[in-house]
Amino acid sequence: MNRFPSIVLPLVLLTLLGCSKSDLNDYSLGTETYTNSPDCKQAYFKGKPIPSIFLKKLTKTDGGRLEGIACHGANIVVDVKAGTWKEGKL
């Protein structure tokens, strides 16, 4: 019985999935606060601000998307490349 294909395929898939994910360490909250909300800060990706995205907390990432707690308290998902967001979870 040849076990090579059954071992290699999962390793290749894990490698490809690992390369496409961003680490939560790539994201941070800056010192700039949202108007009248000092606990809500500008979100950053690799040291650069994500335009118009202010969060209270960073939760998790998946690829080029970031989940966090918005200033109004709802969970939002941010598409970092497009600079857009919508309410929801990853």
C-alpha atoms as a PDB file:
ATOM      1  CA  MET A   1       0.000   0.000   0.000  1.00  0.00           C
ATOM      2  CA  ASN A   2       1.446   3.333  -1.037  1.00  0.00           C
ATOM      3  CA  ARG A   3       0.995   5.918   1.776  1.00  0.00           C
ATOM      4  CA  PHE A   4       2.939   8.698   0.067  1.00  0.00           C
ATOM      5  CA  PRO A   5      -0.081  10.459  -1.544  1.00  0.00           C
ATOM      6  CA  SER A   6      -2.094  10.247   1.665  1.00  0.00           C
ATOM      7  CA  ILE A   7       0.692  11.997   3.587  1.00  0.00           C
ATOM      8  CA  VAL A   8       1.768  14.566   1.000  1.00  0.00           C
ATOM      9  CA  LEU A   9      -1.671  15.952   0.098  1.00  0.00           C
ATOM     10  CA  PRO A  10      -2.569  17.051   3.657  1.00  0.00           C
ATOM     11  CA  LEU A  11       0.877  18.616   4.079  1.00  0.00           C
ATOM     12  CA  VAL A  12       0.520  20.575   0.836  1.00  0.00           C
ATOM     13  CA  LEU A  13      -2.948  21.800   1.847  1.00  0.00           C
ATOM     14  CA  LEU A  14      -1.724  22.888   5.279  1.00  0.00           C
ATOM     15  CA  THR A  15       1.176  24.753   3.710  1.00  0.00           C
ATOM     16  CA  LEU A  16      -1.066  26.565   1.218  1.00  0.00           C
ATOM     17  CA  LEU A  17      -3.602  27.503   3.881  1.00  0.00           C
ATOM     18  CA  GLY A  18      -0.864  28.691   6.209  1.00  0.00           C
ATOM     19  CA  CYS A  19       0.577  30.988   3.564  1.00  0.00           C
ATOM     20  CA  SER A  20      -2.738  32.688   2.865  1.00  0.00           C
ATOM     21  CA  LYS A  21      -3.567  33.610   6.446  1.00  0.00           C
ATOM     22  CA  SER A  22      -2.560  36.797   8.185  1.00  0.00           C
ATOM     23  CA  ASP A  23      -1.420  36.669  11.752  1.00  0.00           C
ATOM     24  CA  LEU A  24      -3.218  38.734  14.371  1.00  0.00           C
ATOM     25  CA  ASN A  25       0.243  40.118  15.197  1.00  0.00           C
ATOM     26  CA  ASP A  26       0.142  41.941  11.827  1.00  0.00           C
ATOM     27  CA  TYR A  27      -2.683  44.093  13.219  1.00  0.00           C
ATOM     28  CA  SER A  28      -2.700  46.682  15.972  1.00  0.00           C
ATOM     29  CA  LEU A  29      -4.679  49.578  17.379  1.00  0.00           C
ATOM     30  CA  GLY A  30      -3.071  53.002  17.201  1.00  0.00           C
ATOM     31  CA  THR A  31      -3.332  56.017  19.449  1.00  0.00           C
ATOM     32  CA  GLU A  32      -5.792  57.951  17.253  1.00  0.00           C
ATOM     33  CA  THR A  33      -9.269  57.778  18.809  1.00  0.00           C
ATOM     34  CA  TYR A  34     -12.697  57.948  17.234  1.00  0.00           C
ATOM     35  CA  THR A  35     -14.721  61.104  17.925  1.00  0.00           C
ATOM     36  CA  ASN A  36     -16.115  61.065  21.498  1.00  0.00           C
ATOM     37  CA  SER A  37     -15.042  57.428  21.989  1.00  0.00           C
ATOM     38  CA  PRO A  38     -11.603  57.234  23.653  1.00  0.00           C
ATOM     39  CA  ASP A  39     -11.687  53.425  23.870  1.00  0.00           C
ATOM     40  CA  CYS A  40     -12.072  53.108  20.081  1.00  0.00           C
ATOM     41  CA  LYS A  41      -8.767  53.338  18.171  1.00  0.00           C
ATOM     42  CA  GLN A  42      -7.566  53.445  14.555  1.00  0.00           C
ATOM     43  CA  ALA A  43      -6.809  49.926  13.245  1.00  0.00           C
ATOM     44  CA  TYR A  44      -3.420  49.261  11.641  1.00  0.00           C
ATOM     45  CA  PHE A  45      -2.154  46.503   9.337  1.00  0.00           C
ATOM     46  CA  LYS A  46       1.616  45.989   9.346  1.00  0.00           C
ATOM     47  CA  GLY A  47       2.134  49.465  10.786  1.00  0.00           C
ATOM     48  CA  LYS A  48      -0.064  51.289   8.269  1.00  0.00           C
ATOM     49  CA  PRO A  49      -3.539  52.618   9.119  1.00  0.00           C
ATOM     50  CA  ILE A  50      -6.560  50.900   7.619  1.00  0.00           C
ATOM     51  CA  PRO A  51      -8.520  53.928   6.335  1.00  0.00           C
ATOM     52  CA  SER A  52     -11.696  54.765   8.276  1.00  0.00           C
ATOM     53  CA  ILE A  53     -11.504  51.646  10.479  1.00  0.00           C
ATOM     54  CA  PHE A  54     -11.717  52.274  14.238  1.00  0.00           C
ATOM     55  CA  LEU A  55     -12.104  49.364  16.671  1.00  0.00           C
ATOM     56  CA  LYS A  56     -12.317  48.701  20.393  1.00  0.00           C
ATOM     57  CA  LYS A  57     -10.767  45.240  20.151  1.00  0.00           C
ATOM     58  CA  LEU A  58      -9.087  42.993  17.579  1.00  0.00           C
ATOM     59  CA  THR A  59     -10.536  39.479  17.675  1.00  0.00           C
ATOM     60  CA  LYS A  60      -9.137  37.296  14.869  1.00  0.00           C
ATOM     61  CA  THR A  61      -8.027  37.202  11.248  1.00  0.00           C
ATOM     62  CA  ASP A  62      -8.579  35.042   8.198  1.00  0.00           C
ATOM     63  CA  GLY A  63      -6.594  35.855   5.104  1.00  0.00           C
ATOM     64  CA  GLY A  64      -7.024  39.546   4.332  1.00  0.00           C
ATOM     65  CA  ARG A  65      -9.967  39.902   6.690  1.00  0.00           C
ATOM     66  CA  LEU A  66     -10.012  41.088  10.279  1.00  0.00           C
ATOM     67  CA  GLU A  67     -12.728  40.592  12.887  1.00  0.00           C
ATOM     68  CA  GLY A  68     -13.049  43.091  15.693  1.00  0.00           C
ATOM     69  CA  ILE A  69     -15.379  44.937  18.023  1.00  0.00           C
ATOM     70  CA  ALA A  70     -16.537  48.218  16.476  1.00  0.00           C
ATOM     71  CA  CYS A  71     -17.062  51.495  18.303  1.00  0.00           C
ATOM     72  CA  HIS A  72     -20.801  50.822  18.537  1.00  0.00           C
ATOM     73  CA  GLY A  73     -20.121  47.425  20.172  1.00  0.00           C
ATOM     74  CA  ALA A  74     -21.023  45.110  17.277  1.00  0.00           C
ATOM     75  CA  ASN A  75     -18.710  42.510  15.758  1.00  0.00           C
ATOM     76  CA  ILE A  76     -17.524  43.569  12.325  1.00  0.00           C
ATOM     77  CA  VAL A  77     -15.435  41.954   9.603  1.00  0.00           C
ATOM     78  CA  VAL A  78     -13.025  44.238   7.762  1.00  0.00           C
ATOM     79  CA  ASP A  79     -11.715  43.515   4.263  1.00  0.00           C
ATOM     80  CA  VAL A  80      -8.289  45.079   4.686  1.00  0.00           C
ATOM     81  CA  LYS A  81      -7.441  45.391   0.981  1.00  0.00           C
ATOM     82  CA  ALA A  82     -10.774  46.940   0.000  1.00  0.00           C
ATOM     83  CA  GLY A  83     -11.061  49.008   3.181  1.00  0.00           C
ATOM     84  CA  THR A  84     -14.672  47.946   3.629  1.00  0.00           C
ATOM     85  CA  TRP A  85     -16.501  46.372   6.562  1.00  0.00           C
ATOM     86  CA  LYS A  86     -19.772  44.691   7.454  1.00  0.00           C
ATOM     87  CA  GLU A  87     -21.317  43.450  10.672  1.00  0.00           C
ATOM     88  CA  GLY A  88     -20.734  39.758  11.372  1.00  0.00           C
ATOM     89  CA  LYS A  89     -18.111  37.212  12.367  1.00  0.00           C
ATOM     90  CA  LEU A  90     -15.441  35.263  10.567  1.00  0.00           C
END
